[in-house]
Amino acid sequence: VQLQASGGGLVQAGGSLRLSCAASGGTVSSYVIGWFRQAPGSERDFVAAITWSGDRIYYEHSVNGRFTISRDNAKNMVYLQMDSLKPEDTAVYYCGADAIGRPEELGSYVAWGQGTQVTVSS
C-alpha cells in the first residue's frame, strides 16, 4: 500500500486545518489507517486511527474532542480535521497503514506517507 499525506500549513492558535491521506495499491481495506506526528527532537507519536470500515476510531487523549478522523472509502481517502489547534500541535504529521491491529503502536505500521508539516503559531 502507498500513502500520500497533504494539507499541512501554518495556522494561528485556535485555527483549523484538514489533513488528507490518499491510499493506493494492495488491499487498502485490509489496513487500519493512522496518523502520527513528530516534533523536532521527539519520537513519532500516535494521534488518531480509524478502521477501514469505520467501526473503530482511536484518539490520543490530548487531541480527543479537537481532532476528528474520518474516511471516504469510495476515494480511498482518510482525513484528519484538526480544530482548536495549539502551538504544541506543531509537528510533521504522517499517515500510516497498520497491518497488525494495534493502531496506537508505531511498530504495527508497515507503510508511511511522506509527512506534512503543521505549524501553529501562538
PDB file of N, CA and C in Angstrom:
ATOM      1  N   VAL A   1       0.850  -1.179   0.000  1.00  0.00           N
ATOM      2  CA  VAL A   1       0.000   0.000   0.000  1.00  0.00           C
ATOM      3  C   VAL A   1       0.894   1.239   0.000  1.00  0.00           C
ATOM      4  N   GLN A   2       0.475   2.255  -0.759  1.00  0.00           N
ATOM      5  CA  GLN A   2       1.199   3.524  -0.804  1.00  0.00           C
ATOM      6  C   GLN A   2       0.297   4.613  -0.229  1.00  0.00           C
ATOM      7  N   LEU A   3       0.909   5.510   0.515  1.00  0.00           N
ATOM      8  CA  LEU A   3       0.169   6.579   1.180  1.00  0.00           C
ATOM      9  C   LEU A   3       0.797   7.923   0.836  1.00  0.00           C
ATOM     10  N   GLN A   4      -0.046   8.926   0.729  1.00  0.00           N
ATOM     11  CA  GLN A   4       0.435  10.285   0.480  1.00  0.00           C
ATOM     12  C   GLN A   4      -0.358  11.241   1.341  1.00  0.00           C
ATOM     13  N   ALA A   5       0.348  11.942   2.223  1.00  0.00           N
ATOM     14  CA  ALA A   5      -0.279  12.899   3.123  1.00  0.00           C
ATOM     15  C   ALA A   5      -0.161  14.307   2.551  1.00  0.00           C
ATOM     16  N   SER A   6      -1.165  15.119   2.825  1.00  0.00           N
ATOM     17  CA  SER A   6      -1.149  16.508   2.380  1.00  0.00           C
ATOM     18  C   SER A   6      -2.052  17.338   3.291  1.00  0.00           C
ATOM     19  N   GLY A   7      -1.976  18.653   3.128  1.00  0.00           N
ATOM     20  CA  GLY A   7      -2.884  19.534   3.834  1.00  0.00           C
ATOM     21  C   GLY A   7      -2.285  20.327   4.971  1.00  0.00           C
ATOM     22  N   GLY A   8      -1.009  20.129   5.250  1.00  0.00           N
ATOM     23  CA  GLY A   8      -0.389  20.887   6.326  1.00  0.00           C
ATOM     24  C   GLY A   8      -0.228  22.347   5.973  1.00  0.00           C
ATOM     25  N   GLY A   9       0.205  23.131   6.945  1.00  0.00           N
ATOM     26  CA  GLY A   9       0.420  24.547   6.713  1.00  0.00           C
ATOM     27  C   GLY A   9       0.666  25.285   8.005  1.00  0.00           C
ATOM     28  N   LEU A  10       0.632  26.616   7.903  1.00  0.00           N
ATOM     29  CA  LEU A  10       0.837  27.493   9.051  1.00  0.00           C
ATOM     30  C   LEU A  10      -0.509  28.082   9.455  1.00  0.00           C
ATOM     31  N   VAL A  11      -0.827  27.984  10.727  1.00  0.00           N
ATOM     32  CA  VAL A  11      -2.109  28.492  11.222  1.00  0.00           C
ATOM     33  C   VAL A  11      -1.902  29.081  12.609  1.00  0.00           C
ATOM     34  N   GLN A  12      -2.725  30.037  12.958  1.00  0.00           N
ATOM     35  CA  GLN A  12      -2.648  30.626  14.296  1.00  0.00           C
ATOM     36  C   GLN A  12      -3.337  29.710  15.309  1.00  0.00           C
ATOM     37  N   ALA A  13      -2.927  29.854  16.548  1.00  0.00           N
ATOM     38  CA  ALA A  13      -3.563  29.097  17.624  1.00  0.00           C
ATOM     39  C   ALA A  13      -5.066  29.337  17.605  1.00  0.00           C
ATOM     40  N   GLY A  14      -5.814  28.257  17.786  1.00  0.00           N
ATOM     41  CA  GLY A  14      -7.267  28.337  17.734  1.00  0.00           C
ATOM     42  C   GLY A  14      -7.840  28.053  16.351  1.00  0.00           C
ATOM     43  N   GLY A  15      -6.965  28.011  15.353  1.00  0.00           N
ATOM     44  CA  GLY A  15      -7.404  27.778  13.990  1.00  0.00           C
ATOM     45  C   GLY A  15      -7.590  26.302  13.669  1.00  0.00           C
ATOM     46  N   SER A  16      -7.860  26.028  12.394  1.00  0.00           N
ATOM     47  CA  SER A  16      -8.153  24.674  11.938  1.00  0.00           C
ATOM     48  C   SER A  16      -7.374  24.330  10.684  1.00  0.00           C
ATOM     49  N   LEU A  17      -7.104  23.059  10.514  1.00  0.00           N
ATOM     50  CA  LEU A  17      -6.538  22.511   9.294  1.00  0.00           C
ATOM     51  C   LEU A  17      -7.159  21.142   9.057  1.00  0.00           C
ATOM     52  N   ARG A  18      -7.220  20.729   7.803  1.00  0.00           N
ATOM     53  CA  ARG A  18      -7.643  19.374   7.496  1.00  0.00           C
ATOM     54  C   ARG A  18      -6.538  18.678   6.716  1.00  0.00           C
ATOM     55  N   LEU A  19      -6.043  17.590   7.271  1.00  0.00           N
ATOM     56  CA  LEU A  19      -5.048  16.778   6.597  1.00  0.00           C
ATOM     57  C   LEU A  19      -5.741  15.672   5.813  1.00  0.00           C
ATOM     58  N   SER A  20      -5.130  15.309   4.686  1.00  0.00           N
ATOM     59  CA  SER A  20      -5.658  14.243   3.852  1.00  0.00           C
ATOM     60  C   SER A  20      -4.604  13.168   3.668  1.00  0.00           C
ATOM     61  N   CYS A  21      -5.045  11.931   3.589  1.00  0.00           N
ATOM     62  CA  CYS A  21      -4.157  10.803   3.332  1.00  0.00           C
ATOM     63  C   CYS A  21      -4.772   9.987   2.207  1.00  0.00           C
ATOM     64  N   ALA A  22      -4.074   9.956   1.071  1.00  0.00           N
ATOM     65  CA  ALA A  22      -4.535   9.193  -0.085  1.00  0.00           C
ATOM     66  C   ALA A  22      -3.861   7.829  -0.067  1.00  0.00           C
ATOM     67  N   ALA A  23      -4.660   6.776  -0.133  1.00  0.00           N
ATOM     68  CA  ALA A  23      -4.145   5.407  -0.088  1.00  0.00           C
ATOM     69  C   ALA A  23      -4.348   4.737  -1.438  1.00  0.00           C
ATOM     70  N   SER A  24      -3.355   3.951  -1.855  1.00  0.00           N
ATOM     71  CA  SER A  24      -3.461   3.238  -3.120  1.00  0.00           C
ATOM     72  C   SER A  24      -2.625   1.968  -3.066  1.00  0.00           C
ATOM     73  N   GLY A  25      -2.915   1.044  -3.984  1.00  0.00           N
ATOM     74  CA  GLY A  25      -2.132  -0.177  -4.073  1.00  0.00           C
ATOM     75  C   GLY A  25      -2.544  -1.211  -3.042  1.00  0.00           C
ATOM     76  N   GLY A  26      -2.343  -2.440  -3.328  1.00  0.00           N
ATOM     77  CA  GLY A  26      -2.647  -3.512  -2.399  1.00  0.00           C
ATOM     78  C   GLY A  26      -4.128  -3.571  -2.065  1.00  0.00           C
ATOM     79  N   THR A  27      -4.436  -4.194  -0.960  1.00  0.00           N
ATOM     80  CA  THR A  27      -5.811  -4.279  -0.488  1.00  0.00           C
ATOM     81  C   THR A  27      -5.963  -3.249   0.621  1.00  0.00           C
ATOM     82  N   VAL A  28      -6.318  -2.032   0.219  1.00  0.00           N
ATOM     83  CA  VAL A  28      -6.353  -0.911   1.157  1.00  0.00           C
ATOM     84  C   VAL A  28      -7.281  -1.207   2.330  1.00  0.00           C
ATOM     85  N   SER A  29      -8.366  -1.899   2.075  1.00  0.00           N
ATOM     86  CA  SER A  29      -9.339  -2.168   3.126  1.00  0.00           C
ATOM     87  C   SER A  29      -8.806  -3.117   4.197  1.00  0.00           C
ATOM     88  N   SER A  30      -7.629  -3.702   3.980  1.00  0.00           N
ATOM     89  CA  SER A  30      -7.036  -4.600   4.972  1.00  0.00           C
ATOM     90  C   SER A  30      -6.370  -3.848   6.111  1.00  0.00           C
ATOM     91  N   TYR A  31      -6.196  -2.562   5.963  1.00  0.00           N
ATOM     92  CA  TYR A  31      -5.389  -1.793   6.897  1.00  0.00           C
ATOM     93  C   TYR A  31      -6.213  -0.820   7.729  1.00  0.00           C
ATOM     94  N   VAL A  32      -5.817  -0.697   8.986  1.00  0.00           N
ATOM     95  CA  VAL A  32      -6.217   0.459   9.779  1.00  0.00           C
ATOM     96  C   VAL A  32      -5.303   1.609   9.357  1.00  0.00           C
ATOM     97  N   ILE A  33      -5.859   2.781   9.153  1.00  0.00           N
ATOM     98  CA  ILE A  33      -5.061   3.946   8.780  1.00  0.00           C
ATOM     99  C   ILE A  33      -4.945   4.865   9.997  1.00  0.00           C
ATOM    100  N   GLY A  34      -3.730   5.228  10.313  1.00  0.00           N
ATOM    101  CA  GLY A  34      -3.498   6.067  11.478  1.00  0.00           C
ATOM    102  C   GLY A  34      -2.706   7.307  11.146  1.00  0.00           C
ATOM    103  N   TRP A  35      -2.798   8.281  12.018  1.00  0.00           N
ATOM    104  CA  TRP A  35      -1.988   9.497  11.941  1.00  0.00           C
ATOM    105  C   TRP A  35      -1.066   9.536  13.152  1.00  0.00           C
ATOM    106  N   PHE A  36       0.183   9.839  12.874  1.00  0.00           N
ATOM    107  CA  PHE A  36       1.172  10.080  13.903  1.00  0.00           C
ATOM    108  C   PHE A  36       1.767  11.456  13.670  1.00  0.00           C
ATOM    109  N   ARG A  37       2.454  11.981  14.673  1.00  0.00           N
ATOM    110  CA  ARG A  37       3.144  13.251  14.488  1.00  0.00           C
ATOM    111  C   ARG A  37       4.497  13.190  15.172  1.00  0.00           C
ATOM    112  N   GLN A  38       5.407  13.982  14.619  1.00  0.00           N
ATOM    113  CA  GLN A  38       6.771  14.008  15.139  1.00  0.00           C
ATOM    114  C   GLN A  38       7.266  15.438  15.179  1.00  0.00           C
ATOM    115  N   ALA A  39       7.510  15.913  16.401  1.00  0.00           N
ATOM    116  CA  ALA A  39       8.088  17.239  16.599  1.00  0.00           C
ATOM    117  C   ALA A  39       9.611  17.113  16.584  1.00  0.00           C
ATOM    118  N   PRO A  40      10.321  18.201  16.310  1.00  0.00           N
ATOM    119  CA  PRO A  40      11.793  18.147  16.279  1.00  0.00           C
ATOM    120  C   PRO A  40      12.357  17.605  17.588  1.00  0.00           C
ATOM    121  N   GLY A  41      13.234  16.621  17.477  1.00  0.00           N
ATOM    122  CA  GLY A  41      13.870  16.059  18.644  1.00  0.00           C
ATOM    123  C   GLY A  41      13.012  15.105  19.436  1.00  0.00           C
ATOM    124  N   SER A  42      11.838  14.790  18.913  1.00  0.00           N
ATOM    125  CA  SER A  42      10.914  13.906  19.627  1.00  0.00           C
ATOM    126  C   SER A  42      10.634  12.650  18.821  1.00  0.00           C
ATOM    127  N   GLU A  43      10.037  11.673  19.483  1.00  0.00           N
ATOM    128  CA  GLU A  43       9.650  10.458  18.795  1.00  0.00           C
ATOM    129  C   GLU A  43       8.356  10.680  18.005  1.00  0.00           C
ATOM    130  N   ARG A  44       8.076   9.756  17.127  1.00  0.00           N
ATOM    131  CA  ARG A  44       6.828   9.780  16.368  1.00  0.00           C
ATOM    132  C   ARG A  44       5.718   9.239  17.271  1.00  0.00           C
ATOM    133  N   ASP A  45       4.720  10.080  17.518  1.00  0.00           N
ATOM    134  CA  ASP A  45       3.673   9.757  18.477  1.00  0.00           C
ATOM    135  C   ASP A  45       2.319   9.576  17.806  1.00  0.00           C
ATOM    136  N   PHE A  46       1.550   8.679  18.370  1.00  0.00           N
ATOM    137  CA  PHE A  46       0.216   8.396  17.860  1.00  0.00           C
ATOM    138  C   PHE A  46      -0.720   9.592  18.050  1.00  0.00           C
ATOM    139  N   VAL A  47      -1.575   9.819  17.048  1.00  0.00           N
ATOM    140  CA  VAL A  47      -2.576  10.886  17.122  1.00  0.00           C
ATOM    141  C   VAL A  47      -3.985  10.310  17.025  1.00  0.00           C
ATOM    142  N   ALA A  48      -4.261   9.569  15.953  1.00  0.00           N
ATOM    143  CA  ALA A  48      -5.612   9.044  15.734  1.00  0.00           C
ATOM    144  C   ALA A  48      -5.530   7.914  14.711  1.00  0.00           C
ATOM    145  N   ALA A  49      -6.544   7.056  14.710  1.00  0.00           N
ATOM    146  CA  ALA A  49      -6.604   5.971  13.736  1.00  0.00           C
ATOM    147  C   ALA A  49      -8.050   5.575  13.514  1.00  0.00           C
ATOM    148  N   ILE A  50      -8.296   4.965  12.357  1.00  0.00           N
ATOM    149  CA  ILE A  50      -9.645   4.534  12.007  1.00  0.00           C
ATOM    150  C   ILE A  50      -9.552   3.246  11.209  1.00  0.00           C
ATOM    151  N   THR A  51     -10.433   2.300  11.518  1.00  0.00           N
ATOM    152  CA  THR A  51     -10.511   1.100  10.701  1.00  0.00           C
ATOM    153  C   THR A  51     -11.143   1.452   9.361  1.00  0.00           C
ATOM    154  N   TRP A  52     -10.906   0.616   8.354  1.00  0.00           N
ATOM    155  CA  TRP A  52     -11.438   0.958   7.038  1.00  0.00           C
ATOM    156  C   TRP A  52     -12.956   0.920   7.019  1.00  0.00           C
ATOM    157  N   SER A  53     -13.539   0.081   7.850  1.00  0.00           N
ATOM    158  CA  SER A  53     -14.998   0.049   7.938  1.00  0.00           C
ATOM    159  C   SER A  53     -15.543   1.203   8.775  1.00  0.00           C
ATOM    160  N   GLY A  54     -14.666   1.857   9.530  1.00  0.00           N
ATOM    161  CA  GLY A  54     -15.090   2.963  10.373  1.00  0.00           C
ATOM    162  C   GLY A  54     -15.737   2.543  11.678  1.00  0.00           C
ATOM    163  N   ASP A  55     -15.711   1.248  11.988  1.00  0.00           N
ATOM    164  CA  ASP A  55     -16.397   0.785  13.194  1.00  0.00           C
ATOM    165  C   ASP A  55     -15.598   1.041  14.465  1.00  0.00           C
ATOM    166  N   ARG A  56     -14.310   1.331  14.302  1.00  0.00           N
ATOM    167  CA  ARG A  56     -13.493   1.675  15.459  1.00  0.00           C
ATOM    168  C   ARG A  56     -12.623   2.889  15.146  1.00  0.00           C
ATOM    169  N   ILE A  57     -12.616   3.818  16.095  1.00  0.00           N
ATOM    170  CA  ILE A  57     -11.826   5.041  15.976  1.00  0.00           C
ATOM    171  C   ILE A  57     -11.050   5.208  17.267  1.00  0.00           C
ATOM    172  N   TYR A  58      -9.814   5.662  17.120  1.00  0.00           N
ATOM    173  CA  TYR A  58      -8.926   5.805  18.265  1.00  0.00           C
ATOM    174  C   TYR A  58      -8.343   7.216  18.248  1.00  0.00           C
ATOM    175  N   TYR A  59      -8.213   7.814  19.438  1.00  0.00           N
ATOM    176  CA  TYR A  59      -7.599   9.134  19.571  1.00  0.00           C
ATOM    177  C   TYR A  59      -6.618   9.141  20.737  1.00  0.00           C
ATOM    178  N   GLU A  60      -5.546   9.874  20.549  1.00  0.00           N
ATOM    179  CA  GLU A  60      -4.659  10.181  21.665  1.00  0.00           C
ATOM    180  C   GLU A  60      -5.386  11.187  22.548  1.00  0.00           C
ATOM    181  N   HIS A  61      -5.203  11.088  23.851  1.00  0.00           N
ATOM    182  CA  HIS A  61      -6.080  11.835  24.766  1.00  0.00           C
ATOM    183  C   HIS A  61      -5.992  13.347  24.593  1.00  0.00           C
ATOM    184  N   SER A  62      -4.825  13.869  24.203  1.00  0.00           N
ATOM    185  CA  SER A  62      -4.680  15.326  24.122  1.00  0.00           C
ATOM    186  C   SER A  62      -5.392  15.925  22.909  1.00  0.00           C
ATOM    187  N   VAL A  63      -5.761  15.087  21.945  1.00  0.00           N
ATOM    188  CA  VAL A  63      -6.446  15.604  20.755  1.00  0.00           C
ATOM    189  C   VAL A  63      -7.926  15.239  20.751  1.00  0.00           C
ATOM    190  N   ASN A  64      -8.326  14.361  21.663  1.00  0.00           N
ATOM    191  CA  ASN A  64      -9.722  13.937  21.723  1.00  0.00           C
ATOM    192  C   ASN A  64     -10.617  15.144  21.985  1.00  0.00           C
ATOM    193  N   GLY A  65     -11.614  15.314  21.117  1.00  0.00           N
ATOM    194  CA  GLY A  65     -12.505  16.465  21.239  1.00  0.00           C
ATOM    195  C   GLY A  65     -12.101  17.643  20.365  1.00  0.00           C
ATOM    196  N   ARG A  66     -10.862  17.634  19.878  1.00  0.00           N
ATOM    197  CA  ARG A  66     -10.383  18.703  18.984  1.00  0.00           C
ATOM    198  C   ARG A  66     -10.144  18.190  17.574  1.00  0.00           C
ATOM    199  N   PHE A  67      -9.703  16.951  17.456  1.00  0.00           N
ATOM    200  CA  PHE A  67      -9.410  16.356  16.148  1.00  0.00           C
ATOM    201  C   PHE A  67     -10.480  15.322  15.820  1.00  0.00           C
ATOM    202  N   THR A  68     -10.776  15.200  14.533  1.00  0.00           N
ATOM    203  CA  THR A  68     -11.737  14.215  14.074  1.00  0.00           C
ATOM    204  C   THR A  68     -11.164  13.468  12.875  1.00  0.00           C
ATOM    205  N   ILE A  69     -11.089  12.158  12.977  1.00  0.00           N
ATOM    206  CA  ILE A  69     -10.607  11.343  11.864  1.00  0.00           C
ATOM    207  C   ILE A  69     -11.816  10.762  11.136  1.00  0.00           C
ATOM    208  N   SER A  70     -11.729  10.719   9.822  1.00  0.00           N
ATOM    209  CA  SER A  70     -12.824  10.177   9.021  1.00  0.00           C
ATOM    210  C   SER A  70     -12.242   9.568   7.763  1.00  0.00           C
ATOM    211  N   ARG A  71     -13.060   8.869   7.005  1.00  0.00           N
ATOM    212  CA  ARG A  71     -12.575   8.258   5.776  1.00  0.00           C
ATOM    213  C   ARG A  71     -13.664   8.302   4.706  1.00  0.00           C
ATOM    214  N   ASP A  72     -13.218   8.275   3.472  1.00  0.00           N
ATOM    215  CA  ASP A  72     -14.096   8.195   2.310  1.00  0.00           C
ATOM    216  C   ASP A  72     -13.652   6.971   1.527  1.00  0.00           C
ATOM    217  N   ASN A  73     -14.356   5.872   1.714  1.00  0.00           N
ATOM    218  CA  ASN A  73     -13.937   4.613   1.092  1.00  0.00           C
ATOM    219  C   ASN A  73     -13.949   4.678  -0.426  1.00  0.00           C
ATOM    220  N   ALA A  74     -14.894   5.394  -0.974  1.00  0.00           N
ATOM    221  CA  ALA A  74     -15.001   5.479  -2.431  1.00  0.00           C
ATOM    222  C   ALA A  74     -13.771   6.129  -3.048  1.00  0.00           C
ATOM    223  N   LYS A  75     -13.144   7.024  -2.299  1.00  0.00           N
ATOM    224  CA  LYS A  75     -11.962   7.739  -2.799  1.00  0.00           C
ATOM    225  C   LYS A  75     -10.667   7.217  -2.193  1.00  0.00           C
ATOM    226  N   ASN A  76     -10.749   6.207  -1.333  1.00  0.00           N
ATOM    227  CA  ASN A  76      -9.561   5.696  -0.624  1.00  0.00           C
ATOM    228  C   ASN A  76      -8.828   6.829   0.098  1.00  0.00           C
ATOM    229  N   MET A  77      -9.575   7.643   0.783  1.00  0.00           N
ATOM    230  CA  MET A  77      -9.019   8.795   1.484  1.00  0.00           C
ATOM    231  C   MET A  77      -9.336   8.705   2.972  1.00  0.00           C
ATOM    232  N   VAL A  78      -8.389   9.149   3.789  1.00  0.00           N
ATOM    233  CA  VAL A  78      -8.601   9.330   5.223  1.00  0.00           C
ATOM    234  C   VAL A  78      -8.261  10.774   5.553  1.00  0.00           C
ATOM    235  N   TYR A  79      -9.083  11.390   6.390  1.00  0.00           N
ATOM    236  CA  TYR A  79      -8.916  12.797   6.729  1.00  0.00           C
ATOM    237  C   TYR A  79      -8.695  12.964   8.226  1.00  0.00           C
ATOM    238  N   LEU A  80      -7.979  14.008   8.564  1.00  0.00           N
ATOM    239  CA  LEU A  80      -7.826  14.387   9.966  1.00  0.00           C
ATOM    240  C   LEU A  80      -8.188  15.867  10.070  1.00  0.00           C
ATOM    241  N   GLN A  81      -9.379  16.140  10.576  1.00  0.00           N
ATOM    242  CA  GLN A  81      -9.824  17.513  10.809  1.00  0.00           C
ATOM    243  C   GLN A  81      -9.293  17.952  12.159  1.00  0.00           C
ATOM    244  N   MET A  82      -8.514  19.012  12.156  1.00  0.00           N
ATOM    245  CA  MET A  82      -7.879  19.491  13.381  1.00  0.00           C
ATOM    246  C   MET A  82      -8.419  20.874  13.707  1.00  0.00           C
ATOM    247  N   ASP A  83      -9.126  20.983  14.803  1.00  0.00           N
ATOM    248  CA  ASP A  83      -9.706  22.238  15.264  1.00  0.00           C
ATOM    249  C   ASP A  83      -9.071  22.662  16.583  1.00  0.00           C
ATOM    250  N   SER A  84      -9.266  23.916  16.933  1.00  0.00           N
ATOM    251  CA  SER A  84      -8.726  24.454  18.192  1.00  0.00           C
ATOM    252  C   SER A  84      -7.249  24.114  18.338  1.00  0.00           C
ATOM    253  N   LEU A  85      -6.514  24.346  17.279  1.00  0.00           N
ATOM    254  CA  LEU A  85      -5.094  23.986  17.274  1.00  0.00           C
ATOM    255  C   LEU A  85      -4.308  24.795  18.296  1.00  0.00           C
ATOM    256  N   LYS A  86      -3.302  24.131  18.852  1.00  0.00           N
ATOM    257  CA  LYS A  86      -2.441  24.739  19.863  1.00  0.00           C
ATOM    258  C   LYS A  86      -0.991  24.702  19.366  1.00  0.00           C
ATOM    259  N   PRO A  87      -0.145  25.592  19.872  1.00  0.00           N
ATOM    260  CA  PRO A  87       1.267  25.556  19.455  1.00  0.00           C
ATOM    261  C   PRO A  87       1.911  24.185  19.666  1.00  0.00           C
ATOM    262  N   GLU A  88       1.495  23.472  20.686  1.00  0.00           N
ATOM    263  CA  GLU A  88       2.077  22.154  20.933  1.00  0.00           C
ATOM    264  C   GLU A  88       1.645  21.093  19.928  1.00  0.00           C
ATOM    265  N   ASP A  89       0.722  21.432  19.039  1.00  0.00           N
ATOM    266  CA  ASP A  89       0.356  20.527  17.947  1.00  0.00           C
ATOM    267  C   ASP A  89       1.334  20.631  16.777  1.00  0.00           C
ATOM    268  N   THR A  90       2.257  21.576  16.846  1.00  0.00           N
ATOM    269  CA  THR A  90       3.241  21.756  15.779  1.00  0.00           C
ATOM    270  C   THR A  90       4.103  20.518  15.633  1.00  0.00           C
ATOM    271  N   ALA A  91       4.137  19.965  14.419  1.00  0.00           N
ATOM    272  CA  ALA A  91       4.888  18.736  14.149  1.00  0.00           C
ATOM    273  C   ALA A  91       4.758  18.403  12.666  1.00  0.00           C
ATOM    274  N   VAL A  92       5.530  17.425  12.238  1.00  0.00           N
ATOM    275  CA  VAL A  92       5.295  16.795  10.946  1.00  0.00           C
ATOM    276  C   VAL A  92       4.296  15.662  11.181  1.00  0.00           C
ATOM    277  N   TYR A  93       3.233  15.652  10.414  1.00  0.00           N
ATOM    278  CA  TYR A  93       2.182  14.647  10.562  1.00  0.00           C
ATOM    279  C   TYR A  93       2.327  13.601   9.459  1.00  0.00           C
ATOM    280  N   TYR A  94       2.257  12.341   9.866  1.00  0.00           N
ATOM    281  CA  TYR A  94       2.391  11.220   8.953  1.00  0.00           C
ATOM    282  C   TYR A  94       1.147  10.338   9.025  1.00  0.00           C
ATOM    283  N   CYS A  95       0.702   9.861   7.878  1.00  0.00           N
ATOM    284  CA  CYS A  95      -0.309   8.810   7.895  1.00  0.00           C
ATOM    285  C   CYS A  95       0.379   7.484   7.610  1.00  0.00           C
ATOM    286  N   GLY A  96      -0.148   6.446   8.214  1.00  0.00           N
ATOM    287  CA  GLY A  96       0.453   5.128   8.093  1.00  0.00           C
ATOM    288  C   GLY A  96      -0.598   4.044   8.002  1.00  0.00           C
ATOM    289  N   ALA A  97      -0.154   2.871   7.545  1.00  0.00           N
ATOM    290  CA  ALA A  97      -1.035   1.712   7.404  1.00  0.00           C
ATOM    291  C   ALA A  97      -0.649   0.666   8.440  1.00  0.00           C
ATOM    292  N   ASP A  98      -1.581   0.347   9.296  1.00  0.00           N
ATOM    293  CA  ASP A  98      -1.390  -0.636  10.362  1.00  0.00           C
ATOM    294  C   ASP A  98      -1.886  -1.991   9.888  1.00  0.00           C
ATOM    295  N   ALA A  99      -0.966  -2.966   9.821  1.00  0.00           N
ATOM    296  CA  ALA A  99      -1.329  -4.294   9.343  1.00  0.00           C
ATOM    297  C   ALA A  99      -1.506  -5.300  10.468  1.00  0.00           C
ATOM    298  N   ILE A 100      -1.245  -4.893  11.708  1.00  0.00           N
ATOM    299  CA  ILE A 100      -1.263  -5.824  12.828  1.00  0.00           C
ATOM    300  C   ILE A 100      -2.491  -5.653  13.698  1.00  0.00           C
ATOM    301  N   GLY A 101      -3.029  -4.443  13.747  1.00  0.00           N
ATOM    302  CA  GLY A 101      -4.241  -4.238  14.526  1.00  0.00           C
ATOM    303  C   GLY A 101      -4.021  -3.657  15.896  1.00  0.00           C
ATOM    304  N   ARG A 102      -2.853  -3.028  16.086  1.00  0.00           N
ATOM    305  CA  ARG A 102      -2.599  -2.290  17.314  1.00  0.00           C
ATOM    306  C   ARG A 102      -2.258  -0.853  16.916  1.00  0.00           C
ATOM    307  N   PRO A 103      -3.258  -0.073  16.541  1.00  0.00           N
ATOM    308  CA  PRO A 103      -3.023   1.206  15.861  1.00  0.00           C
ATOM    309  C   PRO A 103      -2.327   2.272  16.681  1.00  0.00           C
ATOM    310  N   GLU A 104      -2.249   2.096  17.993  1.00  0.00           N
ATOM    311  CA  GLU A 104      -1.544   3.101  18.790  1.00  0.00           C
ATOM    312  C   GLU A 104      -0.053   2.803  18.899  1.00  0.00           C
ATOM    313  N   GLU A 105       0.363   1.681  18.331  1.00  0.00           N
ATOM    314  CA  GLU A 105       1.762   1.266  18.423  1.00  0.00           C
ATOM    315  C   GLU A 105       2.485   1.500  17.101  1.00  0.00           C
ATOM    316  N   LEU A 106       3.580   2.202  17.166  1.00  0.00           N
ATOM    317  CA  LEU A 106       4.351   2.546  15.971  1.00  0.00           C
ATOM    318  C   LEU A 106       4.763   1.292  15.208  1.00  0.00           C
ATOM    319  N   GLY A 107       5.116   0.240  15.915  1.00  0.00           N
ATOM    320  CA  GLY A 107       5.595  -0.977  15.273  1.00  0.00           C
ATOM    321  C   GLY A 107       4.554  -1.739  14.487  1.00  0.00           C
ATOM    322  N   SER A 108       3.285  -1.355  14.613  1.00  0.00           N
ATOM    323  CA  SER A 108       2.224  -2.017  13.863  1.00  0.00           C
ATOM    324  C   SER A 108       2.151  -1.556  12.419  1.00  0.00           C
ATOM    325  N   TYR A 109       2.847  -0.485  12.104  1.00  0.00           N
ATOM    326  CA  TYR A 109       2.691   0.168  10.800  1.00  0.00           C
ATOM    327  C   TYR A 109       3.705  -0.346   9.799  1.00  0.00           C
ATOM    328  N   VAL A 110       3.212  -0.653   8.598  1.00  0.00           N
ATOM    329  CA  VAL A 110       4.054  -1.239   7.560  1.00  0.00           C
ATOM    330  C   VAL A 110       4.311  -0.282   6.404  1.00  0.00           C
ATOM    331  N   ALA A 111       3.636   0.841   6.378  1.00  0.00           N
ATOM    332  CA  ALA A 111       3.838   1.812   5.300  1.00  0.00           C
ATOM    333  C   ALA A 111       3.502   3.190   5.834  1.00  0.00           C
ATOM    334  N   TRP A 112       4.223   4.187   5.311  1.00  0.00           N
ATOM    335  CA  TRP A 112       4.035   5.568   5.742  1.00  0.00           C
ATOM    336  C   TRP A 112       3.971   6.489   4.539  1.00  0.00           C
ATOM    337  N   GLY A 113       3.188   7.546   4.684  1.00  0.00           N
ATOM    338  CA  GLY A 113       3.251   8.636   3.736  1.00  0.00           C
ATOM    339  C   GLY A 113       4.455   9.503   4.035  1.00  0.00           C
ATOM    340  N   GLN A 114       4.675  10.533   3.243  1.00  0.00           N
ATOM    341  CA  GLN A 114       5.906  11.309   3.317  1.00  0.00           C
ATOM    342  C   GLN A 114       5.887  12.365   4.408  1.00  0.00           C
ATOM    343  N   GLY A 115       4.748  12.622   5.027  1.00  0.00           N
ATOM    344  CA  GLY A 115       4.673  13.624   6.087  1.00  0.00           C
ATOM    345  C   GLY A 115       4.293  14.996   5.556  1.00  0.00           C
ATOM    346  N   THR A 116       3.562  15.722   6.386  1.00  0.00           N
ATOM    347  CA  THR A 116       3.170  17.081   6.039  1.00  0.00           C
ATOM    348  C   THR A 116       3.334  17.950   7.287  1.00  0.00           C
ATOM    349  N   GLN A 117       3.936  19.115   7.105  1.00  0.00           N
ATOM    350  CA  GLN A 117       4.274  19.975   8.238  1.00  0.00           C
ATOM    351  C   GLN A 117       3.063  20.787   8.685  1.00  0.00           C
ATOM    352  N   VAL A 118       2.809  20.755   9.979  1.00  0.00           N
ATOM    353  CA  VAL A 118       1.783  21.598  10.605  1.00  0.00           C
ATOM    354  C   VAL A 118       2.487  22.504  11.596  1.00  0.00           C
ATOM    355  N   THR A 119       2.306  23.800  11.427  1.00  0.00           N
ATOM    356  CA  THR A 119       2.907  24.772  12.330  1.00  0.00           C
ATOM    357  C   THR A 119       1.805  25.662  12.891  1.00  0.00           C
ATOM    358  N   VAL A 120       1.726  25.705  14.215  1.00  0.00           N
ATOM    359  CA  VAL A 120       0.705  26.509  14.898  1.00  0.00           C
ATOM    360  C   VAL A 120       1.420  27.618  15.653  1.00  0.00           C
ATOM    361  N   SER A 121       1.133  28.849  15.273  1.00  0.00           N
ATOM    362  CA  SER A 121       1.776  29.992  15.921  1.00  0.00           C
ATOM    363  C   SER A 121       0.922  30.484  17.088  1.00  0.00           C
ATOM    364  N   SER A 122       1.604  31.025  18.082  1.00  0.00           N
ATOM    365  CA  SER A 122       0.889  31.494  19.276  1.00  0.00           C
ATOM    366  C   SER A 122       0.485  32.943  19.137  1.00  0.00           C
TER     367      SER A 122
END
